Amino acid sequence: MGKDDKMSTHLDGLETCDLHTRTPYGIRDVSMTQLIIARFYGGAKFNGEKYTYFPGTDELVRDDVLKWKKKQKKGVKHERAT
């Protein structure tokens, strides 16, 4: 799979995210950084924050951001159902 064939990023839709910005919401192209070890462990800790690794997009996403996105998605589904 070439670089252009990657699925859309897990970092889309964070424009309204009000979580802290002391650490990045996510890190792209992990396999080209010192955080490559995250590929083998499914995640990493960076500056005290836990990140989950997504091999399809080769990125780390902060766990609280994933939780926030899940909550947002659930809210959108709930609004559509009513």
N, C-alpha and C. Protein backbone atom coordinates (compact mmCIF):
# COMPACT_ATOMS: atom_id res chain seq x y z
N MET A 1 0.85 -1.17 0.00
CA MET A 1 0.00 0.00 0.00
C MET A 1 0.90 1.23 0.00
N GLY A 2 0.72 2.09 -0.96
CA GLY A 2 1.52 3.31 -1.07
C GLY A 2 1.01 4.38 -0.13
N LYS A 3 1.79 5.41 0.04
CA LYS A 3 1.43 6.50 0.95
C LYS A 3 0.11 7.16 0.54
N ASP A 4 -0.15 7.27 -0.75
CA ASP A 4 -1.38 7.89 -1.23
C ASP A 4 -2.60 7.01 -1.05
N ASP A 5 -2.39 5.70 -0.77
CA ASP A 5 -3.49 4.76 -0.62
C ASP A 5 -4.03 4.69 0.81
N LYS A 6 -3.47 5.45 1.73
CA LYS A 6 -3.90 5.39 3.12
C LYS A 6 -5.34 5.87 3.26
N MET A 7 -6.06 5.27 4.22
CA MET A 7 -7.41 5.72 4.49
C MET A 7 -7.36 7.10 5.14
N SER A 8 -8.49 7.75 5.26
CA SER A 8 -8.49 9.08 5.87
C SER A 8 -8.00 9.00 7.31
N THR A 9 -7.47 10.08 7.78
CA THR A 9 -6.86 10.12 9.10
C THR A 9 -7.89 10.07 10.23
N HIS A 10 -7.48 9.57 11.37
CA HIS A 10 -8.32 9.56 12.56
C HIS A 10 -8.32 10.94 13.22
N LEU A 11 -7.56 11.85 12.67
CA LEU A 11 -7.45 13.19 13.24
C LEU A 11 -8.38 14.20 12.58
N ASP A 12 -9.19 13.75 11.64
CA ASP A 12 -10.17 14.63 11.01
C ASP A 12 -11.29 14.96 12.00
N GLY A 13 -11.85 16.13 11.90
CA GLY A 13 -13.01 16.50 12.70
C GLY A 13 -12.69 16.99 14.10
N LEU A 14 -11.47 17.42 14.33
CA LEU A 14 -11.10 17.88 15.66
C LEU A 14 -11.15 19.40 15.81
N GLU A 15 -11.74 20.08 14.85
CA GLU A 15 -11.79 21.54 14.87
C GLU A 15 -12.49 22.07 16.12
N THR A 16 -13.51 21.36 16.60
CA THR A 16 -14.26 21.82 17.76
C THR A 16 -13.84 21.14 19.06
N CYS A 17 -12.78 20.36 19.00
CA CYS A 17 -12.30 19.63 20.19
C CYS A 17 -11.76 20.64 21.20
N ASP A 18 -12.25 20.56 22.43
CA ASP A 18 -11.82 21.50 23.46
C ASP A 18 -10.87 20.88 24.48
N LEU A 19 -10.24 19.77 24.14
CA LEU A 19 -9.28 19.13 25.02
C LEU A 19 -7.98 19.93 25.05
N HIS A 20 -7.17 19.68 26.07
CA HIS A 20 -5.92 20.43 26.21
C HIS A 20 -5.00 20.22 25.00
N THR A 21 -4.12 21.16 24.80
CA THR A 21 -3.18 21.08 23.68
C THR A 21 -1.73 21.07 24.16
N ARG A 22 -1.50 20.63 25.40
CA ARG A 22 -0.13 20.52 25.91
C ARG A 22 0.66 19.49 25.11
N THR A 23 -0.04 18.49 24.62
CA THR A 23 0.56 17.49 23.75
C THR A 23 -0.29 17.42 22.49
N PRO A 24 0.29 16.97 21.38
CA PRO A 24 -0.49 16.93 20.13
C PRO A 24 -1.64 15.92 20.21
N TYR A 25 -2.72 16.23 19.51
CA TYR A 25 -3.84 15.29 19.43
C TYR A 25 -3.41 13.99 18.78
N GLY A 26 -2.50 14.08 17.83
CA GLY A 26 -2.02 12.90 17.14
C GLY A 26 -0.69 13.13 16.47
N ILE A 27 -0.08 12.04 16.07
CA ILE A 27 1.22 12.09 15.40
C ILE A 27 1.12 11.23 14.15
N ARG A 28 1.36 11.83 13.00
CA ARG A 28 1.27 11.11 11.73
C ARG A 28 2.63 10.58 11.31
N ASP A 29 2.63 9.64 10.36
CA ASP A 29 3.84 9.03 9.81
C ASP A 29 4.77 8.51 10.91
N VAL A 30 4.19 7.76 11.82
CA VAL A 30 4.91 7.24 12.98
C VAL A 30 6.11 6.38 12.57
N SER A 31 5.97 5.63 11.49
CA SER A 31 7.06 4.74 11.08
C SER A 31 8.30 5.51 10.63
N MET A 32 8.18 6.83 10.49
CA MET A 32 9.34 7.64 10.09
C MET A 32 9.91 8.42 11.28
N THR A 33 9.48 8.08 12.50
CA THR A 33 9.94 8.80 13.68
C THR A 33 10.53 7.83 14.69
N GLN A 34 11.01 8.37 15.79
CA GLN A 34 11.53 7.53 16.87
C GLN A 34 10.42 6.77 17.58
N LEU A 35 9.18 7.12 17.32
CA LEU A 35 8.04 6.43 17.93
C LEU A 35 7.63 5.17 17.17
N ILE A 36 8.46 4.73 16.26
CA ILE A 36 8.18 3.54 15.46
C ILE A 36 7.90 2.32 16.34
N ILE A 37 8.43 2.31 17.54
CA ILE A 37 8.21 1.20 18.47
C ILE A 37 6.72 1.00 18.75
N ALA A 38 5.93 2.08 18.62
CA ALA A 38 4.48 1.99 18.86
C ALA A 38 3.82 1.00 17.92
N ARG A 39 4.41 0.79 16.76
CA ARG A 39 3.86 -0.17 15.80
C ARG A 39 3.82 -1.57 16.39
N PHE A 40 4.77 -1.90 17.22
CA PHE A 40 4.88 -3.25 17.77
C PHE A 40 4.07 -3.43 19.05
N TYR A 41 3.76 -2.34 19.73
CA TYR A 41 3.03 -2.41 20.99
C TYR A 41 1.59 -1.92 20.89
N GLY A 42 1.20 -1.39 19.76
CA GLY A 42 -0.17 -0.93 19.58
C GLY A 42 -0.42 0.45 20.16
N GLY A 43 0.64 1.08 20.62
CA GLY A 43 0.49 2.41 21.18
C GLY A 43 1.78 2.86 21.82
N ALA A 44 1.74 4.04 22.41
CA ALA A 44 2.93 4.59 23.06
C ALA A 44 2.50 5.64 24.06
N LYS A 45 3.43 5.99 24.92
CA LYS A 45 3.22 7.09 25.85
C LYS A 45 4.16 8.20 25.42
N PHE A 46 3.64 9.40 25.25
CA PHE A 46 4.43 10.53 24.79
C PHE A 46 4.14 11.72 25.69
N ASN A 47 5.14 12.24 26.34
CA ASN A 47 5.00 13.37 27.26
C ASN A 47 3.87 13.15 28.28
N GLY A 48 3.78 11.92 28.79
CA GLY A 48 2.81 11.60 29.83
C GLY A 48 1.42 11.24 29.34
N GLU A 49 1.18 11.31 28.05
CA GLU A 49 -0.14 10.98 27.49
C GLU A 49 -0.08 9.64 26.76
N LYS A 50 -1.16 8.87 26.87
CA LYS A 50 -1.24 7.59 26.18
C LYS A 50 -1.82 7.80 24.78
N TYR A 51 -1.23 7.13 23.81
CA TYR A 51 -1.64 7.19 22.41
C TYR A 51 -1.89 5.78 21.89
N THR A 52 -2.87 5.64 21.01
CA THR A 52 -3.16 4.37 20.34
C THR A 52 -2.64 4.45 18.92
N TYR A 53 -2.05 3.36 18.46
CA TYR A 53 -1.49 3.31 17.10
C TYR A 53 -2.50 2.72 16.13
N PHE A 54 -2.63 3.36 14.96
CA PHE A 54 -3.49 2.87 13.89
C PHE A 54 -2.62 2.56 12.68
N PRO A 55 -2.41 1.26 12.39
CA PRO A 55 -1.52 0.88 11.29
C PRO A 55 -2.01 1.32 9.92
N GLY A 56 -3.31 1.38 9.70
CA GLY A 56 -3.85 1.75 8.39
C GLY A 56 -3.49 3.17 7.98
N THR A 57 -3.35 4.03 8.97
CA THR A 57 -3.01 5.42 8.69
C THR A 57 -1.63 5.80 9.22
N ASP A 58 -0.95 4.85 9.87
CA ASP A 58 0.39 5.05 10.43
C ASP A 58 0.43 6.28 11.32
N GLU A 59 -0.52 6.31 12.27
CA GLU A 59 -0.57 7.46 13.17
C GLU A 59 -0.90 7.03 14.59
N LEU A 60 -0.49 7.88 15.51
CA LEU A 60 -0.84 7.73 16.91
C LEU A 60 -1.89 8.79 17.23
N VAL A 61 -2.91 8.40 17.99
CA VAL A 61 -3.94 9.35 18.39
C VAL A 61 -4.07 9.26 19.91
N ARG A 62 -4.08 10.42 20.54
CA ARG A 62 -4.19 10.48 21.99
C ARG A 62 -5.48 9.81 22.44
N ASP A 63 -5.42 9.00 23.50
CA ASP A 63 -6.57 8.24 23.95
C ASP A 63 -7.76 9.10 24.36
N ASP A 64 -7.52 10.26 24.98
CA ASP A 64 -8.64 11.11 25.36
C ASP A 64 -9.31 11.72 24.13
N VAL A 65 -8.56 11.89 23.05
CA VAL A 65 -9.12 12.39 21.80
C VAL A 65 -10.03 11.32 21.19
N LEU A 66 -9.60 10.07 21.24
CA LEU A 66 -10.42 8.97 20.73
C LEU A 66 -11.73 8.88 21.51
N LYS A 67 -11.64 9.05 22.81
CA LYS A 67 -12.84 9.02 23.66
C LYS A 67 -13.77 10.18 23.29
N TRP A 68 -13.19 11.36 23.08
CA TRP A 68 -13.97 12.54 22.70
C TRP A 68 -14.68 12.30 21.35
N LYS A 69 -13.93 11.74 20.38
CA LYS A 69 -14.51 11.48 19.05
C LYS A 69 -15.66 10.48 19.14
N LYS A 70 -15.48 9.45 19.96
CA LYS A 70 -16.52 8.44 20.13
C LYS A 70 -17.78 9.07 20.71
N LYS A 71 -17.59 9.94 21.69
CA LYS A 71 -18.72 10.64 22.31
C LYS A 71 -19.43 11.54 21.30
N GLN A 72 -18.66 12.23 20.45
CA GLN A 72 -19.23 13.09 19.42
C GLN A 72 -20.04 12.28 18.41
N LYS A 73 -19.47 11.16 18.00
CA LYS A 73 -20.14 10.30 17.02
C LYS A 73 -21.44 9.75 17.60
N LYS A 74 -21.40 9.35 18.86
CA LYS A 74 -22.58 8.83 19.53
C LYS A 74 -23.67 9.90 19.59
N GLY A 75 -23.29 11.14 19.87
CA GLY A 75 -24.24 12.25 19.92
C GLY A 75 -24.89 12.50 18.58
N VAL A 76 -24.12 12.40 17.50
CA VAL A 76 -24.66 12.60 16.15
C VAL A 76 -25.65 11.49 15.80
N LYS A 77 -25.34 10.26 16.14
CA LYS A 77 -26.25 9.14 15.88
C LYS A 77 -27.54 9.32 16.67
N HIS A 78 -27.42 9.76 17.91
CA HIS A 78 -28.58 9.96 18.75
C HIS A 78 -29.47 11.06 18.19
N GLU A 79 -28.89 12.13 17.69
CA GLU A 79 -29.66 13.23 17.10
C GLU A 79 -30.41 12.77 15.86
N ARG A 80 -29.79 11.93 15.06
CA ARG A 80 -30.43 11.44 13.83
C ARG A 80 -31.59 10.51 14.14
N ALA A 81 -31.50 9.76 15.24
CA ALA A 81 -32.54 8.79 15.59
C ALA A 81 -33.81 9.48 16.07
N THR A 82 -33.69 10.68 16.59
CA THR A 82 -34.89 11.35 17.12
C THR A 82 -35.61 12.14 16.08
